[in-house]
Protein backbone atom coordinates (compact mmCIF):
# COMPACT_ATOMS: atom_id res chain seq x y z
CA MET A 1 78.22 81.36 158.18
CA LYS A 2 81.55 81.98 160.25
CA LEU A 3 84.73 81.27 158.39
CA THR A 4 88.44 81.99 158.86
CA GLY A 5 89.93 84.58 156.72
CA ALA A 6 91.80 81.95 154.66
CA GLN A 7 88.53 80.18 153.97
CA ILE A 8 86.95 83.55 153.05
CA LEU A 9 89.56 84.21 150.53
CA ILE A 10 89.04 80.69 148.87
CA GLU A 11 85.19 81.19 148.79
CA CYS A 12 85.67 84.62 147.21
CA LEU A 13 87.94 83.09 144.51
CA LYS A 14 85.37 80.49 143.81
CA GLU A 15 82.80 83.49 143.40
CA GLN A 16 84.97 85.01 140.89
CA GLY A 17 85.23 81.68 138.87
CA VAL A 18 89.03 81.18 139.56
CA ASP A 19 90.15 77.89 138.58
CA THR A 20 93.94 78.22 138.68
CA ILE A 21 96.39 80.02 140.98
CA PHE A 22 100.23 80.25 140.38
CA GLY A 23 102.37 80.55 143.54
CA PHE A 24 104.81 79.56 145.99
CA PRO A 25 104.05 78.98 149.72
CA GLY A 26 105.62 80.56 152.79
CA GLY A 27 105.10 81.36 156.48
CA ALA A 28 102.72 84.31 156.05
CA VAL A 29 100.46 82.44 153.71
CA LEU A 30 100.28 78.96 155.43
CA ASN A 31 96.74 79.54 156.55
CA ILE A 32 95.72 80.18 153.00
CA TYR A 33 97.47 77.22 151.69
CA ASP A 34 95.78 75.14 154.23
CA ALA A 35 92.41 76.35 153.14
CA LEU A 36 93.55 75.75 149.43
CA TYR A 37 94.26 72.12 150.52
CA TYR A 38 90.60 71.56 151.08
CA ALA A 39 89.64 73.24 147.86
CA ARG A 40 92.11 71.36 145.74
CA ASN A 41 89.37 69.76 143.62
CA GLU A 42 87.99 73.11 142.69
CA ILE A 43 91.01 75.37 142.42
CA ARG A 44 94.27 74.11 140.81
CA HIS A 45 97.44 75.44 142.31
CA ILE A 46 100.59 75.52 140.20
CA LEU A 47 103.67 75.45 142.15
CA THR A 48 106.17 77.39 140.21
CA SER A 49 110.01 77.29 140.80
CA HIS A 50 110.28 81.04 141.72
CA GLU A 51 107.57 83.67 142.58
CA GLN A 52 108.62 85.70 139.51
CA GLY A 53 107.67 82.76 137.36
CA ALA A 54 104.29 82.63 139.14
CA SER A 55 103.64 86.22 138.10
CA HIS A 56 104.68 85.64 134.60
CA ALA A 57 102.50 82.46 134.51
CA ALA A 58 99.41 84.38 135.72
CA ASP A 59 100.14 87.01 133.23
CA GLY A 60 100.41 84.52 130.27
CA TYR A 61 97.45 82.81 131.55
CA ALA A 62 95.32 86.15 131.53
CA ARG A 63 96.66 87.17 128.05
CA ALA A 64 95.84 83.81 126.49
CA THR A 65 92.31 83.33 128.00
CA GLY A 66 91.13 86.98 128.60
CA LYS A 67 90.49 85.89 132.36
CA VAL A 68 91.99 87.31 135.43
CA GLY A 69 95.32 85.77 136.19
CA VAL A 70 96.00 84.97 139.90
CA CYS A 71 99.19 84.59 141.83
CA ILE A 72 100.20 84.34 145.37
CA ALA A 73 103.38 84.62 147.37
CA THR A 74 104.42 84.89 151.04
CA SER A 75 105.73 88.14 152.63
CA GLY A 76 109.11 89.79 152.31
CA PRO A 77 111.17 88.22 149.59
CA GLY A 78 108.23 86.25 148.29
CA ALA A 79 106.25 89.47 147.64
CA THR A 80 109.16 91.32 146.11
CA ASN A 81 109.88 88.52 143.77
CA LEU A 82 106.42 89.38 142.32
CA VAL A 83 107.33 92.92 141.51
CA THR A 84 108.82 92.57 138.03
CA GLY A 85 105.78 90.31 136.96
CA ILE A 86 103.45 92.98 138.39
CA ALA A 87 105.06 95.74 136.52
CA THR A 88 105.12 93.82 133.29
CA ALA A 89 101.38 93.26 133.60
CA TYR A 90 100.82 96.99 134.51
CA MET A 91 102.73 98.26 131.43
CA ASP A 92 100.65 95.94 129.08
CA SER A 93 97.35 96.36 130.77
CA VAL A 94 96.82 92.81 131.95
CA PRO A 95 94.21 91.83 134.36
CA MET A 96 95.84 90.08 137.26
CA VAL A 97 95.28 89.97 141.04
CA ALA A 98 98.36 89.11 143.20
CA PHE A 99 97.93 88.11 146.82
CA THR A 100 100.74 88.37 149.24
CA GLY A 101 101.03 87.33 152.87
CA GLN A 102 102.01 89.97 155.47
CA VAL A 103 103.21 89.81 159.03
CA PRO A 104 100.65 89.80 161.70
CA THR A 105 99.06 93.18 162.39
CA SER A 106 100.77 93.42 165.90
CA LEU A 107 104.24 93.09 164.12
CA LEU A 108 103.55 95.66 161.31
CA GLY A 109 106.23 98.46 161.31
CA LYS A 110 108.64 96.74 163.53
CA ASP A 111 111.21 95.43 160.99
CA SER A 112 109.77 91.95 161.65
CA PHE A 113 111.13 88.80 159.99
CA GLN A 114 110.11 88.90 156.30
CA GLU A 115 108.38 92.22 156.68
CA VAL A 116 108.23 94.52 153.66
CA ASP A 117 106.00 97.31 152.70
CA ILE A 118 104.73 95.70 149.45
CA THR A 119 101.82 98.08 148.96
CA GLY A 120 104.15 101.14 149.17
CA ILE A 121 106.59 99.30 146.72
CA THR A 122 103.72 98.33 144.13
CA MET A 123 101.83 101.52 144.38
CA PRO A 124 103.24 102.97 141.04
CA ILE A 125 102.77 99.66 139.15
CA THR A 126 99.30 98.61 140.14
CA LYS A 127 95.75 99.93 139.32
CA HIS A 128 95.19 99.75 143.07
CA ASN A 129 96.41 97.86 146.16
CA TYR A 130 95.44 97.06 149.69
CA ILE A 131 96.70 95.93 152.87
CA VAL A 132 94.04 93.92 154.85
CA LYS A 133 94.19 94.28 158.60
CA ASP A 134 90.60 93.56 159.35
CA VAL A 135 88.94 90.05 158.62
CA ASN A 136 85.62 91.67 158.28
CA ARG A 137 86.81 93.68 155.33
CA LEU A 138 88.58 90.84 153.41
CA ALA A 139 85.69 89.54 151.34
CA ASP A 140 84.58 92.85 149.96
CA ILE A 141 88.29 93.88 149.15
CA VAL A 142 88.87 90.67 147.30
CA ARG A 143 85.67 91.27 145.19
CA GLU A 144 86.76 94.84 144.59
CA ALA A 145 90.23 93.85 143.51
CA PHE A 146 88.89 91.45 140.73
CA TYR A 147 86.29 94.31 139.66
CA ILE A 148 89.14 96.86 139.36
CA ALA A 149 91.47 94.50 137.57
CA LYS A 150 88.79 93.88 134.80
CA LYS A 151 87.07 97.29 134.60
CA GLY A 152 87.93 99.74 131.84
CA ARG A 153 91.62 99.58 131.00
CA PRO A 154 92.57 96.23 132.70
CA GLY A 155 95.64 96.07 134.93
CA PRO A 156 97.00 94.26 138.08
CA VAL A 157 95.81 94.77 141.65
CA LEU A 158 97.66 93.63 144.73
CA VAL A 159 96.00 92.38 148.00
CA ASP A 160 98.36 92.15 150.97
CA ILE A 161 96.84 90.15 153.85
CA CYS A 162 98.26 90.09 157.45
CA LYS A 163 98.65 86.55 158.70
CA ASP A 164 96.38 86.92 161.70
CA VAL A 165 93.56 88.11 159.25
CA THR A 166 93.76 84.69 157.65
CA ALA A 167 93.18 82.98 161.00
CA ASN A 168 90.58 85.18 162.48
CA TYR A 169 86.88 84.52 161.84
CA ALA A 170 84.23 86.53 160.22
CA GLU A 171 80.71 86.14 158.72
CA TYR A 172 80.78 85.14 155.13
CA THR A 173 77.85 85.32 152.70
CA PHE A 174 78.06 84.31 149.09
CA LYS A 175 77.87 87.27 146.53
CA THR A 176 77.44 87.08 142.81
CA PRO A 177 80.39 89.10 141.17
CA LYS A 178 79.45 92.63 140.28
CA GLU A 179 78.77 92.95 136.47
CA ILE A 180 81.55 94.78 134.64
CA PRO A 181 79.70 97.69 132.93
CA GLY A 182 79.76 97.28 128.99
CA GLY A 183 81.01 100.81 128.80
CA GLU A 184 79.21 103.90 127.56
CA LEU A 185 79.74 104.92 124.06
CA GLY A 186 81.51 107.94 125.59
CA VAL A 187 81.37 110.23 122.57
CA GLU A 188 78.83 112.62 121.23
CA GLU A 189 77.06 112.08 117.78
CA GLU A 190 78.71 115.28 116.55
CA GLN A 191 82.06 113.82 117.34
CA LEU A 192 81.25 110.59 115.50
CA ASP A 193 79.93 112.57 112.43
CA LYS A 194 83.03 114.79 112.47
CA ALA A 195 85.49 111.76 112.80
CA ALA A 196 83.65 109.75 110.05
CA GLY A 197 83.60 112.86 107.70
CA MET A 198 87.48 113.02 108.23
CA ILE A 199 87.87 109.35 107.26
CA ASN A 200 85.58 109.91 104.29
CA LYS A 201 87.40 113.04 102.99
CA ALA A 202 90.93 111.60 103.70
CA LYS A 203 93.23 110.92 100.73
CA LYS A 204 95.83 109.03 102.57
CA PRO A 205 94.45 107.49 105.81
CA PHE A 206 96.31 105.04 107.92
CA ILE A 207 95.43 102.89 110.84
CA LEU A 208 97.59 101.91 113.67
CA SER A 209 96.00 99.06 115.62
CA GLY A 210 97.35 98.50 119.22
CA GLY A 211 96.94 96.06 122.03
CA GLY A 212 93.90 97.64 123.24
CA VAL A 213 92.02 96.38 120.19
CA SER A 214 92.80 92.81 121.24
CA ILE A 215 91.83 93.56 124.95
CA ALA A 216 88.56 94.99 123.89
CA GLY A 217 87.78 92.46 121.30
CA ALA A 218 87.39 95.01 118.69
CA HIS A 219 89.49 93.32 116.00
CA LEU A 220 86.33 92.54 113.75
CA GLU A 221 85.32 96.19 113.87
CA VAL A 222 88.82 97.35 112.94
CA ALA A 223 88.88 95.02 109.93
CA MET A 224 85.56 96.14 108.81
CA LEU A 225 86.57 99.90 108.97
CA ALA A 226 89.84 99.05 107.00
CA GLU A 227 88.07 97.01 104.43
CA LYS A 228 85.13 99.43 103.97
CA ALA A 229 87.22 102.56 103.69
CA LYS A 230 90.28 100.79 102.00
CA ILE A 231 92.79 101.91 104.58
CA PRO A 232 96.33 100.29 105.02
CA VAL A 233 96.81 98.88 108.62
CA GLY A 234 99.99 98.62 110.80
CA THR A 235 100.27 97.37 114.28
CA THR A 236 102.28 98.09 117.40
CA LEU A 237 104.13 95.02 118.90
CA MET A 238 101.26 94.48 121.40
CA GLY A 239 98.71 94.86 118.58
CA LEU A 240 99.97 91.89 116.51
CA GLY A 241 97.02 89.64 115.94
CA SER A 242 94.48 92.47 116.23
CA PHE A 243 94.55 92.68 112.46
CA PRO A 244 95.29 89.60 110.25
CA GLY A 245 98.94 89.34 109.40
CA THR A 246 97.97 87.84 106.01
CA HIS A 247 95.44 90.54 105.04
CA ASP A 248 96.30 92.49 101.84
CA LEU A 249 95.94 95.81 103.85
CA PHE A 250 98.24 94.82 106.51
CA THR A 251 101.54 96.66 106.34
CA GLY A 252 103.36 95.11 109.33
CA LEU A 253 104.86 96.81 112.43
CA VAL A 254 105.13 100.44 112.87
CA GLY A 255 108.09 102.28 114.57
CA MET A 256 111.54 101.37 115.52
CA HIS A 257 111.35 98.02 113.85
CA GLY A 258 108.65 98.90 111.50
CA THR A 259 108.41 97.90 107.95
CA ARG A 260 109.24 100.33 105.08
CA ALA A 261 105.63 100.20 104.07
CA SER A 262 104.21 100.96 107.56
CA ASN A 263 106.64 103.71 108.38
CA THR A 264 106.29 105.42 104.94
CA ALA A 265 102.55 105.23 105.14
CA VAL A 266 102.76 106.99 108.52
CA SER A 267 105.06 109.56 107.34
CA GLU A 268 102.97 110.39 104.25
CA SER A 269 99.53 109.85 105.66
CA ASP A 270 97.04 112.78 105.87
CA LEU A 271 94.84 111.01 108.47
CA PHE A 272 96.62 108.80 111.16
CA ILE A 273 94.05 106.81 113.11
CA ALA A 274 95.50 105.21 116.35
CA ILE A 275 93.06 102.55 117.89
CA GLY A 276 94.02 101.25 121.29
CA ALA A 277 97.57 102.36 121.14
CA ARG A 278 99.44 104.54 123.47
CA PHE A 279 102.05 106.10 121.22
CA SER A 280 105.07 104.45 122.88
CA ASP A 281 108.57 105.96 122.03
CA ARG A 282 109.28 102.71 120.27
CA VAL A 283 106.52 103.49 117.87
CA ILE A 284 106.94 107.27 117.37
CA SER A 285 110.77 107.67 117.74
CA ASN A 286 111.37 111.46 116.89
CA VAL A 287 107.88 112.87 117.89
CA LYS A 288 108.55 115.99 115.86
CA ARG A 289 108.88 113.90 112.73
CA PHE A 290 106.03 111.50 113.46
CA ALA A 291 103.10 111.70 110.98
CA PRO A 292 104.07 115.26 110.16
CA ASN A 293 101.44 115.73 107.50
CA ALA A 294 98.52 114.04 109.30
CA LYS A 295 95.66 114.98 111.44
CA ILE A 296 95.71 112.44 114.37
CA MET A 297 92.57 110.54 115.47
CA HIS A 298 92.97 108.69 118.69
CA ILE A 299 90.45 106.08 119.87
CA ASP A 300 91.09 104.62 123.29
CA ILE A 301 89.25 103.82 126.60
CA ASP A 302 91.78 105.60 128.82
CA PRO A 303 91.50 109.44 128.72
CA ALA A 304 94.94 109.66 130.17
CA GLU A 305 96.47 108.41 127.00
CA ILE A 306 95.07 111.20 124.86
CA GLY A 307 97.63 113.79 124.10
CA LYS A 308 100.14 112.16 126.59
CA ASN A 309 102.83 111.58 123.87
CA VAL A 310 101.13 112.91 120.58
CA GLY A 311 98.65 115.39 120.38
CA ALA A 312 95.31 114.27 119.12
CA HIS A 313 92.93 116.39 116.67
CA TYR A 314 90.03 114.06 117.01
CA PRO A 315 89.92 112.18 120.39
CA LEU A 316 87.33 109.56 120.69
CA VAL A 317 87.35 108.20 124.38
CA GLY A 318 84.93 105.33 125.25
CA ASN A 319 84.08 101.86 124.40
CA MET A 320 86.08 100.95 121.49
CA VAL A 321 83.79 98.41 120.03
CA LYS A 322 80.74 100.73 120.14
CA ILE A 323 82.70 103.74 118.80
CA LEU A 324 84.08 101.58 115.84
CA ARG A 325 80.51 100.25 114.99
CA GLU A 326 79.13 103.87 115.08
CA LEU A 327 82.01 104.95 112.81
CA ASN A 328 81.56 101.98 110.43
CA ARG A 329 77.89 102.97 110.06
CA ARG A 330 78.90 106.53 108.99
CA VAL A 331 81.94 105.68 106.88
CA HIS A 332 81.45 105.49 103.13
CA GLU A 333 82.33 102.34 101.22
CA LYS A 334 85.35 103.25 99.00
CA PRO A 335 87.22 101.78 96.08
CA LYS A 336 90.85 100.88 96.26
CA THR A 337 92.87 104.19 95.69
CA GLU A 338 96.31 104.97 94.30
CA TRP A 339 97.37 105.55 97.86
CA VAL A 340 96.58 101.90 98.86
CA ASP A 341 98.07 100.52 95.64
CA SER A 342 101.44 102.66 96.41
CA ILE A 343 101.63 101.21 99.90
CA ILE A 344 100.95 97.56 98.79
CA GLU A 345 103.64 98.12 96.11
CA LEU A 346 106.03 99.25 98.93
CA LYS A 347 105.23 96.14 100.89
CA LYS A 348 106.22 94.03 97.88
CA SER A 349 109.28 96.03 97.04
CA PHE A 350 110.71 96.18 100.45
CA PRO A 351 109.75 92.84 102.14
CA LEU A 352 111.09 91.41 105.37
CA ASN A 353 113.98 89.27 104.18
CA TYR A 354 117.40 87.98 105.29
CA PRO A 355 120.52 86.68 103.82
CA GLN A 356 120.03 83.06 102.50
CA ASN A 357 123.80 81.85 102.56
CA GLY A 358 123.28 78.24 103.72
CA SER A 359 123.69 79.00 107.44
CA LEU A 360 120.91 78.58 110.01
CA LYS A 361 118.98 81.77 110.13
CA PRO A 362 116.61 82.89 113.00
CA ASN A 363 114.17 84.30 110.52
CA TYR A 364 113.99 80.95 108.72
CA ILE A 365 113.36 79.08 111.95
CA VAL A 366 110.33 81.34 112.76
CA GLU A 367 109.10 81.02 109.17
CA ARG A 368 109.24 77.22 109.55
CA LEU A 369 107.47 77.34 112.85
CA TYR A 370 104.72 79.28 111.12
CA GLU A 371 104.42 76.88 108.28
CA LEU A 372 104.51 73.69 110.21
CA THR A 373 101.90 74.89 112.85
CA GLY A 374 99.71 76.26 110.16
CA GLY A 375 99.87 79.64 111.82
CA LYS A 376 97.78 78.41 114.63
CA ALA A 377 100.27 78.24 117.53
CA VAL A 378 100.12 80.63 120.61
CA ILE A 379 103.48 82.37 120.64
CA THR A 380 105.13 83.72 123.72
CA THR A 381 108.48 85.36 123.61
CA GLU A 382 111.40 86.48 125.64
CA VAL A 383 112.83 89.88 124.99
CA GLY A 384 115.43 91.13 122.42
CA GLN A 385 116.23 90.02 118.97
CA ASN A 386 114.20 86.75 119.40
CA GLN A 387 110.99 88.80 120.30
CA LEU A 388 111.30 90.86 116.96
CA TRP A 389 111.99 87.86 114.77
CA ALA A 390 108.95 86.33 116.20
CA ALA A 391 106.97 89.56 115.50
CA GLN A 392 108.22 89.86 111.98
CA PHE A 393 108.16 86.30 110.59
CA TYR A 394 105.17 84.69 112.33
CA LYS A 395 102.00 85.71 110.79
CA PHE A 396 99.42 86.34 113.55
CA SER A 397 95.83 86.03 112.62
CA HIS A 398 93.89 86.64 115.71
CA PRO A 399 93.94 88.27 119.18
CA ARG A 400 95.72 86.69 122.17
CA GLN A 401 98.01 84.56 119.82
CA PHE A 402 101.19 86.80 120.40
CA ILE A 403 102.11 87.04 124.13
CA SER A 404 105.06 89.21 124.85
CA SER A 405 106.34 91.86 127.21
CA GLY A 406 105.98 95.03 125.31
CA GLY A 407 106.03 98.12 127.71
CA LEU A 408 108.53 96.74 130.27
CA GLY A 409 110.62 94.62 128.02
CA THR A 410 111.13 91.93 130.68
CA MET A 411 113.84 89.30 129.80
CA GLY A 412 112.82 86.10 131.36
CA PHE A 413 109.09 86.57 130.73
CA GLY A 414 108.43 84.09 128.05
CA LEU A 415 108.90 80.70 129.81
CA GLY A 416 106.51 81.59 132.71
CA ALA A 417 104.16 83.18 130.26
CA SER A 418 104.11 80.01 128.12
CA ILE A 419 103.29 77.94 131.08
CA GLY A 420 100.33 80.01 131.98
CA ALA A 421 99.19 80.06 128.36
CA GLN A 422 99.40 76.36 128.00
CA ILE A 423 97.40 75.79 131.27
CA GLY A 424 94.88 78.22 130.14
CA LEU A 425 94.65 76.79 126.71
CA PRO A 426 95.25 73.14 127.20
CA GLY A 427 94.19 72.15 123.69
CA ARG A 428 96.46 74.70 121.92
CA LYS A 429 100.12 74.36 120.82
CA VAL A 430 102.24 77.00 122.73
CA ILE A 431 105.69 77.94 121.60
CA ASN A 432 108.04 80.12 123.56
CA ILE A 433 110.54 81.82 121.04
CA ALA A 434 113.58 82.72 123.14
CA GLY A 435 117.01 84.02 123.20
CA ASP A 436 119.64 82.29 125.35
CA GLY A 437 120.20 85.51 127.37
CA SER A 438 116.57 85.78 128.39
CA PHE A 439 116.11 82.11 128.74
CA ARG A 440 118.91 81.81 131.30
CA MET A 441 117.04 84.30 133.56
CA ASN A 442 114.15 82.02 134.37
CA LEU A 443 115.09 78.56 133.05
CA ASN A 444 114.28 77.07 136.35
CA GLU A 445 110.62 77.08 135.38
CA LEU A 446 111.38 74.03 133.09
CA ALA A 447 110.93 72.14 136.30
CA THR A 448 107.50 73.53 136.48
CA ALA A 449 106.68 72.56 132.87
CA VAL A 450 107.96 69.04 133.44
CA GLU A 451 106.17 68.70 136.68
CA TYR A 452 102.78 69.49 135.15
CA LYS A 453 103.48 67.53 131.91
CA LEU A 454 103.08 70.68 129.71
CA PRO A 455 104.03 70.12 126.04
CA ILE A 456 105.28 73.59 125.44
CA ILE A 457 108.03 74.01 122.89
CA ILE A 458 111.05 76.35 123.64
CA ALA A 459 112.48 77.41 120.33
CA LEU A 460 115.92 78.71 121.72
CA LEU A 461 117.59 81.02 119.19
CA ASN A 462 121.03 80.55 120.76
CA ASN A 463 123.75 82.95 119.49
CA GLY A 464 125.75 83.05 122.68
CA VAL A 465 125.41 86.83 122.99
CA LEU A 466 122.96 89.44 124.34
CA GLY A 467 121.92 89.81 120.73
CA MET A 468 119.96 93.13 120.77
CA VAL A 469 122.33 94.94 123.07
CA ARG A 470 125.29 93.70 120.90
CA GLN A 471 123.44 94.91 117.92
CA TRP A 472 123.30 98.46 119.38
CA GLN A 473 126.86 98.29 120.36
CA GLU A 474 127.85 97.42 116.75
CA LEU A 475 125.58 99.97 115.09
CA PHE A 476 125.71 102.92 117.48
CA TYR A 477 128.81 102.38 119.78
CA GLY A 478 131.45 101.64 117.35
CA GLY A 479 131.44 97.93 117.89
CA ARG A 480 132.56 98.05 121.42
CA TYR A 481 131.24 94.84 122.70
CA SER A 482 131.00 95.47 126.42
CA ALA A 483 129.72 92.62 128.50
CA THR A 484 127.60 91.12 125.81
CA THR A 485 129.21 87.90 124.91
CA ILE A 486 127.80 85.15 127.18
CA ASP A 487 128.91 81.92 125.41
CA ARG A 488 129.31 79.99 128.59
CA ALA A 489 129.50 76.61 126.97
CA THR A 490 126.17 75.62 128.47
CA ASN A 491 124.83 72.45 127.05
CA PHE A 492 121.19 73.32 126.73
CA LYS A 493 120.22 69.94 125.30
CA ALA A 494 121.72 68.21 128.32
CA LEU A 495 120.13 70.89 130.60
CA ALA A 496 116.67 70.22 129.32
CA GLU A 497 117.14 66.56 129.71
CA ALA A 498 118.39 67.07 133.42
CA PHE A 499 115.11 68.66 134.09
CA GLY A 500 113.21 65.89 132.46
CA ALA A 501 112.35 67.66 129.35
CA ILE A 502 113.34 66.62 125.71
CA GLY A 503 116.36 68.49 124.21
CA ILE A 504 117.32 68.69 120.63
CA ASP A 505 120.29 70.35 119.09
CA VAL A 506 119.75 71.84 115.72
CA GLU A 507 122.73 73.34 113.68
CA LYS A 508 121.80 73.17 109.98
CA PRO A 509 118.73 74.40 108.08
CA GLU A 510 117.95 70.95 106.79
CA GLU A 511 117.60 69.69 110.41
CA VAL A 512 114.86 72.47 111.20
CA ASP A 513 111.74 70.71 109.98
CA GLY A 514 112.37 67.29 111.47
CA ALA A 515 113.18 68.84 114.91
CA ILE A 516 110.05 70.96 114.89
CA MET A 517 107.81 68.01 113.92
CA LYS A 518 109.29 65.85 116.70
CA ALA A 519 108.59 68.62 119.12
CA LEU A 520 105.07 69.12 117.87
CA GLU A 521 104.49 65.35 118.63
CA SER A 522 105.20 65.73 122.21
CA THR A 523 102.03 65.61 124.28
CA ASP A 524 103.17 65.35 127.94
CA ARG A 525 106.66 66.96 128.07
CA PRO A 526 108.30 70.25 127.23
CA VAL A 527 110.65 70.13 124.35
CA LEU A 528 113.71 72.55 124.13
CA LEU A 529 114.98 73.12 120.48
CA ASN A 530 118.47 74.48 120.78
CA PHE A 531 119.00 76.29 117.46
CA LYS A 532 122.52 77.40 117.08
CA ILE A 533 122.58 80.70 115.09
CA ASP A 534 125.34 83.16 114.36
CA LYS A 535 126.25 85.89 116.81
CA ASP A 536 126.10 88.59 114.08
CA ASP A 537 122.61 88.06 112.86
CA LYS A 538 120.60 91.15 113.36
CA VAL A 539 117.08 92.57 113.39
CA PHE A 540 116.36 94.80 110.48
CA PRO A 541 114.86 97.22 109.77
CA ILE A 542 115.83 99.44 112.66
CA VAL A 543 115.35 103.18 113.17
CA PRO A 544 118.43 104.90 114.86
CA PRO A 545 117.82 106.68 118.21
CA GLY A 546 116.53 110.17 117.51
CA ALA A 547 115.76 109.59 113.89
CA GLY A 548 112.39 109.87 112.14
CA ILE A 549 110.69 106.59 111.60
CA ASP A 550 111.17 106.89 107.86
CA GLU A 551 114.89 106.80 108.39
CA LEU A 552 115.24 103.09 108.43
CA ILE A 553 118.48 101.11 108.33
CA GLU A 554 117.32 97.86 106.35
CA ALA A 555 120.56 95.99 106.14
């Protein structure tokens, strides 16, 4: 049947099972929005306050559900406002398809109103991108975009559509989405035998579980390997939830803000097994001093990551679940060793703690959020100290429970992401742990949360400063606090209420539980908990720049 390009786009979205789009309309996408009007009972459109909020919401939706997140913006500034969100998704391997409007084909390259080369701009931060100039190619491009976003290592794809393409007619025929291949094992039997032999012989093995474990759904296989071979497990920031935070073998984060147990285990290990991790500089710090005594085994779906930052003695590239299952068949059951006992003892001797002097501490707030939610909430974060306090003091038990901007470190990410996560998981409690500096960047999305009656909780750790930058200025720049004090007398409680949300000020430890319980009772409105904390509270441990990860500052 003959349909307009806009109608074809909507039909293709239905083919892909898309039920939610986050976006903001404009001239170049008016035909698409007109077609969306007729499909409003099948595809829900969430009107955000800003296009960046739409991209972060699509990202949060994807991370929380495992589905492809979808966002849409008009040409020019609408498209460029998506860029930060697309880059965020790219760095953290999030499946997302972003649609942008473009000027008509007859006006391309003429500096037309709201014309920008968005495919050129986003080329380095997408798995692939397209500009559609022919309506006859539109359907196949949309289908291919979703396939690419999901296949292998996931990531964002951008589809830029000229306005006349959305108005022109073409033949449309329904197609069932192409199956995403399960993935080949990818390694030879000999490689598996050799890798399993190394695990069996290792005296001091250690596992680093990364974000790829959650993406691949390989968390059960990682747990089986750790339990069978009695191997301590640490995680990257993105790997939180890929191994239970309450497990006896869990040692905590690895790297710049890693625990004493994790970083010591890495430094003393004789076999370092990285699974679904990319050896970020925040994990390895000084590469010459990272796991100096260990053979490196690296399991990943992306061959480009092997040897990129740290050389691998035993690379295993392919389907992570299948590789781990084959390893688990070959690995011997082991009793608990002195190595494991020593790491567990380190965990007990050097726990994550904080001064308990009667003042309101961010660490305590996160601990109470964990206890009062039974550890079952989905946590999004902004970026900075708030992000690390959340990572350290909320015990994540399953994948897709911790949603944070890891690779790009995008301030302003958390509120939009919490909106997407709450829409994707309407039956779950979603909490955005935020700092006041990050929250200011996209707080306009409170209007979105109110409009759609989303009961998200914003736990605002309000210290009146750009906390992590200020912490670095104090520790490494002689206490020269340059442009990091932002105490602008903003009344966040009144601000929340002005948007139509619930605002609650909390200044004392004894007020914390009551405020959290009141927030948890809300079912149709967001709640902002304004926790007033001290500007000098810091994130510890921390590894100084250029140091080995065993050189921790712990207080």
